[in-house]
């Protein structure tokens, strides 16, 4: 196989509100942290341990505006995109690196606005299609591995 693949799929909760940055030409970028959790039981202590991984999500233009409109801290969302590492220099001139997920597609799984201000639950409500901003019926027999 001669091709390569850079694809990321995440389901997690927003760690903060979507932060927007607007440009003079009319474009915009939205950023937010996304938390994913791994839970397991320790064989030595028999206690449940949860590890949280934080991901920097970046969206552009219409996708960023839709996320800003509908998502709040704590909401559960499916994100699909690609990894991108940026290099920059800090105030001391040292090279710094930041790895981000450049989102190409997303689906809202739960939002506070949908549930009347209550915290998101694990029971899946009707997701919102990010492109049309309408609710969609979940598929009964989808082939997702989770």
C-alpha atoms as a PDB file:
ATOM      1  CA  UNK A   1       0.000   0.000   0.000  1.00  0.00           C
ATOM      2  CA  UNK A   2       1.582   3.253  -1.097  1.00  0.00           C
ATOM      3  CA  UNK A   3      -0.936   5.701   0.395  1.00  0.00           C
ATOM      4  CA  UNK A   4      -1.024   7.187   3.860  1.00  0.00           C
ATOM      5  CA  UNK A   5      -3.869   7.985   6.231  1.00  0.00           C
ATOM      6  CA  UNK A   6      -4.233  10.712   8.835  1.00  0.00           C
ATOM      7  CA  UNK A   7      -7.638  10.202  10.468  1.00  0.00           C
ATOM      8  CA  UNK A   8      -8.882  10.688  14.022  1.00  0.00           C
ATOM      9  CA  UNK A   9     -12.293   9.780  15.470  1.00  0.00           C
ATOM     10  CA  UNK A  10     -13.164  10.897  19.000  1.00  0.00           C
ATOM     11  CA  UNK A  11     -16.208  10.898  21.258  1.00  0.00           C
ATOM     12  CA  UNK A  12     -15.803  13.105  24.293  1.00  0.00           C
ATOM     13  CA  UNK A  13     -16.992  16.044  26.348  1.00  0.00           C
ATOM     14  CA  UNK A  14     -16.128  19.708  25.821  1.00  0.00           C
ATOM     15  CA  UNK A  15     -13.766  20.976  28.502  1.00  0.00           C
ATOM     16  CA  UNK A  16     -14.605  24.631  27.845  1.00  0.00           C
ATOM     17  CA  UNK A  17     -16.719  26.877  25.630  1.00  0.00           C
ATOM     18  CA  UNK A  18     -15.834  27.218  21.937  1.00  0.00           C
ATOM     19  CA  UNK A  19     -13.376  30.122  21.584  1.00  0.00           C
ATOM     20  CA  UNK A  20     -13.763  31.993  18.291  1.00  0.00           C
ATOM     21  CA  UNK A  21     -11.227  34.063  16.363  1.00  0.00           C
ATOM     22  CA  UNK A  22     -12.432  36.120  13.390  1.00  0.00           C
ATOM     23  CA  UNK A  23     -10.236  37.292  10.497  1.00  0.00           C
ATOM     24  CA  UNK A  24     -10.488  40.433   8.357  1.00  0.00           C
ATOM     25  CA  UNK A  25     -11.407  38.470   5.217  1.00  0.00           C
ATOM     26  CA  UNK A  26     -14.518  37.061   6.894  1.00  0.00           C
ATOM     27  CA  UNK A  27     -13.170  33.655   7.885  1.00  0.00           C
ATOM     28  CA  UNK A  28     -13.026  32.337  11.428  1.00  0.00           C
ATOM     29  CA  UNK A  29     -11.507  29.605  13.569  1.00  0.00           C
ATOM     30  CA  UNK A  30     -13.086  27.947  16.600  1.00  0.00           C
ATOM     31  CA  UNK A  31     -11.110  26.047  19.242  1.00  0.00           C
ATOM     32  CA  UNK A  32     -12.065  23.956  22.247  1.00  0.00           C
ATOM     33  CA  UNK A  33     -10.572  21.214  24.426  1.00  0.00           C
ATOM     34  CA  UNK A  34     -12.183  17.766  24.265  1.00  0.00           C
ATOM     35  CA  UNK A  35     -11.826  15.185  27.048  1.00  0.00           C
ATOM     36  CA  UNK A  36     -11.872  11.447  26.411  1.00  0.00           C
ATOM     37  CA  UNK A  37     -11.753   8.940  29.257  1.00  0.00           C
ATOM     38  CA  UNK A  38     -10.372   5.442  29.691  1.00  0.00           C
ATOM     39  CA  UNK A  39     -11.597   3.511  32.736  1.00  0.00           C
ATOM     40  CA  UNK A  40     -10.222   0.211  33.980  1.00  0.00           C
ATOM     41  CA  UNK A  41      -9.916  -1.766  37.211  1.00  0.00           C
ATOM     42  CA  UNK A  42      -6.452  -2.073  38.765  1.00  0.00           C
ATOM     43  CA  UNK A  43      -5.455  -5.707  39.300  1.00  0.00           C
ATOM     44  CA  UNK A  44      -3.324  -4.800  42.333  1.00  0.00           C
ATOM     45  CA  UNK A  45      -5.801  -2.619  44.262  1.00  0.00           C
ATOM     46  CA  UNK A  46      -9.099  -3.666  42.597  1.00  0.00           C
ATOM     47  CA  UNK A  47     -10.094  -0.003  42.344  1.00  0.00           C
ATOM     48  CA  UNK A  48     -11.513   1.699  39.259  1.00  0.00           C
ATOM     49  CA  UNK A  49      -9.041   4.076  37.631  1.00  0.00           C
ATOM     50  CA  UNK A  50     -10.009   6.708  35.074  1.00  0.00           C
ATOM     51  CA  UNK A  51      -7.447   8.383  32.822  1.00  0.00           C
ATOM     52  CA  UNK A  52      -8.488  11.516  30.958  1.00  0.00           C
ATOM     53  CA  UNK A  53      -6.823  12.533  27.709  1.00  0.00           C
ATOM     54  CA  UNK A  54      -7.238  16.117  26.467  1.00  0.00           C
ATOM     55  CA  UNK A  55      -7.400  16.946  22.759  1.00  0.00           C
ATOM     56  CA  UNK A  56      -7.211  20.408  21.146  1.00  0.00           C
ATOM     57  CA  UNK A  57      -9.998  20.645  18.541  1.00  0.00           C
ATOM     58  CA  UNK A  58      -9.835  23.235  15.734  1.00  0.00           C
ATOM     59  CA  UNK A  59     -12.740  24.026  13.372  1.00  0.00           C
ATOM     60  CA  UNK A  60     -12.930  26.530  10.557  1.00  0.00           C
ATOM     61  CA  UNK A  61     -15.583  28.897   9.192  1.00  0.00           C
ATOM     62  CA  UNK A  62     -19.180  27.547   9.122  1.00  0.00           C
ATOM     63  CA  UNK A  63     -18.302  24.467  11.205  1.00  0.00           C
ATOM     64  CA  UNK A  64     -16.821  26.706  13.920  1.00  0.00           C
ATOM     65  CA  UNK A  65     -19.882  28.975  13.918  1.00  0.00           C
ATOM     66  CA  UNK A  66     -22.259  25.994  14.248  1.00  0.00           C
ATOM     67  CA  UNK A  67     -20.284  24.579  17.181  1.00  0.00           C
ATOM     68  CA  UNK A  68     -20.193  27.962  18.910  1.00  0.00           C
ATOM     69  CA  UNK A  69     -23.977  28.250  18.498  1.00  0.00           C
ATOM     70  CA  UNK A  70     -24.929  24.806  19.825  1.00  0.00           C
ATOM     71  CA  UNK A  71     -22.155  23.520  22.096  1.00  0.00           C
ATOM     72  CA  UNK A  72     -21.311  24.359  25.697  1.00  0.00           C
ATOM     73  CA  UNK A  73     -18.844  23.069  28.251  1.00  0.00           C
ATOM     74  CA  UNK A  74     -19.704  19.472  29.185  1.00  0.00           C
ATOM     75  CA  UNK A  75     -21.577  18.593  25.979  1.00  0.00           C
ATOM     76  CA  UNK A  76     -20.844  15.247  24.349  1.00  0.00           C
ATOM     77  CA  UNK A  77     -19.744  15.325  20.704  1.00  0.00           C
ATOM     78  CA  UNK A  78     -18.342  13.025  18.013  1.00  0.00           C
ATOM     79  CA  UNK A  79     -15.392  14.581  16.160  1.00  0.00           C
ATOM     80  CA  UNK A  80     -13.726  13.329  13.009  1.00  0.00           C
ATOM     81  CA  UNK A  81     -10.636  14.933  11.554  1.00  0.00           C
ATOM     82  CA  UNK A  82      -6.892  14.756  11.139  1.00  0.00           C
ATOM     83  CA  UNK A  83      -3.842  15.381  13.308  1.00  0.00           C
ATOM     84  CA  UNK A  84      -1.848  18.549  12.726  1.00  0.00           C
ATOM     85  CA  UNK A  85       1.260  19.591  14.657  1.00  0.00           C
ATOM     86  CA  UNK A  86       2.134  23.290  14.746  1.00  0.00           C
ATOM     87  CA  UNK A  87       5.565  24.657  15.598  1.00  0.00           C
ATOM     88  CA  UNK A  88       5.904  28.074  17.230  1.00  0.00           C
ATOM     89  CA  UNK A  89       8.322  30.020  19.406  1.00  0.00           C
ATOM     90  CA  UNK A  90       7.627  31.149  22.952  1.00  0.00           C
ATOM     91  CA  UNK A  91       8.674  34.512  24.423  1.00  0.00           C
ATOM     92  CA  UNK A  92      12.150  33.152  25.177  1.00  0.00           C
ATOM     93  CA  UNK A  93      12.672  32.032  21.571  1.00  0.00           C
ATOM     94  CA  UNK A  94      12.348  28.316  22.367  1.00  0.00           C
ATOM     95  CA  UNK A  95      10.660  26.082  19.807  1.00  0.00           C
ATOM     96  CA  UNK A  96       7.311  24.785  21.057  1.00  0.00           C
ATOM     97  CA  UNK A  97       4.944  22.266  19.488  1.00  0.00           C
ATOM     98  CA  UNK A  98       1.186  21.862  19.687  1.00  0.00           C
ATOM     99  CA  UNK A  99      -0.747  18.890  18.293  1.00  0.00           C
ATOM    100  CA  UNK A 100      -4.339  19.609  17.289  1.00  0.00           C
ATOM    101  CA  UNK A 101      -7.265  17.799  15.713  1.00  0.00           C
ATOM    102  CA  UNK A 102      -8.340  19.663  12.562  1.00  0.00           C
ATOM    103  CA  UNK A 103     -12.022  18.673  12.579  1.00  0.00           C
ATOM    104  CA  UNK A 104     -13.600  17.813   9.236  1.00  0.00           C
ATOM    105  CA  UNK A 105     -16.898  16.393  10.502  1.00  0.00           C
ATOM    106  CA  UNK A 106     -18.810  16.290  13.776  1.00  0.00           C
ATOM    107  CA  UNK A 107     -22.097  15.194  15.316  1.00  0.00           C
ATOM    108  CA  UNK A 108     -23.609  16.585  18.494  1.00  0.00           C
ATOM    109  CA  UNK A 109     -24.542  13.690  20.785  1.00  0.00           C
ATOM    110  CA  UNK A 110     -25.914  15.660  23.738  1.00  0.00           C
ATOM    111  CA  UNK A 111     -26.175  19.387  24.282  1.00  0.00           C
ATOM    112  CA  UNK A 112     -27.270  21.349  27.336  1.00  0.00           C
ATOM    113  CA  UNK A 113     -29.616  23.379  25.153  1.00  0.00           C
ATOM    114  CA  UNK A 114     -31.389  20.153  24.092  1.00  0.00           C
ATOM    115  CA  UNK A 115     -31.735  18.784  27.604  1.00  0.00           C
ATOM    116  CA  UNK A 116     -33.058  21.975  29.201  1.00  0.00           C
ATOM    117  CA  UNK A 117     -29.875  22.966  31.023  1.00  0.00           C
ATOM    118  CA  UNK A 118     -29.281  19.593  32.657  1.00  0.00           C
ATOM    119  CA  UNK A 119     -25.879  17.974  32.507  1.00  0.00           C
ATOM    120  CA  UNK A 120     -25.374  15.569  29.608  1.00  0.00           C
ATOM    121  CA  UNK A 121     -26.236  11.940  30.237  1.00  0.00           C
ATOM    122  CA  UNK A 122     -25.012   8.751  28.664  1.00  0.00           C
ATOM    123  CA  UNK A 123     -28.444   8.094  27.169  1.00  0.00           C
ATOM    124  CA  UNK A 124     -28.125   9.194  23.571  1.00  0.00           C
ATOM    125  CA  UNK A 125     -30.595  11.786  22.362  1.00  0.00           C
ATOM    126  CA  UNK A 126     -31.205  12.473  18.693  1.00  0.00           C
ATOM    127  CA  UNK A 127     -27.920  13.773  17.285  1.00  0.00           C
ATOM    128  CA  UNK A 128     -27.796  17.004  15.313  1.00  0.00           C
ATOM    129  CA  UNK A 129     -26.369  16.763  11.804  1.00  0.00           C
ATOM    130  CA  UNK A 130     -23.619  19.351  11.724  1.00  0.00           C
ATOM    131  CA  UNK A 131     -24.039  20.212   8.063  1.00  0.00           C
ATOM    132  CA  UNK A 132     -27.807  20.739   8.014  1.00  0.00           C
ATOM    133  CA  UNK A 133     -28.294  21.724  11.690  1.00  0.00           C
ATOM    134  CA  UNK A 134     -31.249  19.297  11.953  1.00  0.00           C
ATOM    135  CA  UNK A 135     -31.868  16.356  14.248  1.00  0.00           C
ATOM    136  CA  UNK A 136     -31.386  12.909  12.761  1.00  0.00           C
ATOM    137  CA  UNK A 137     -32.797   9.534  13.739  1.00  0.00           C
ATOM    138  CA  UNK A 138     -30.132   7.164  15.076  1.00  0.00           C
ATOM    139  CA  UNK A 139     -29.587   4.108  12.897  1.00  0.00           C
ATOM    140  CA  UNK A 140     -30.747   0.834  14.404  1.00  0.00           C
ATOM    141  CA  UNK A 141     -28.105  -1.435  12.870  1.00  0.00           C
ATOM    142  CA  UNK A 142     -25.048   0.693  12.280  1.00  0.00           C
ATOM    143  CA  UNK A 143     -21.621  -0.926  12.028  1.00  0.00           C
ATOM    144  CA  UNK A 144     -19.838   1.353  14.486  1.00  0.00           C
ATOM    145  CA  UNK A 145     -17.409  -0.532  16.744  1.00  0.00           C
ATOM    146  CA  UNK A 146     -18.582   1.299  19.886  1.00  0.00           C
END
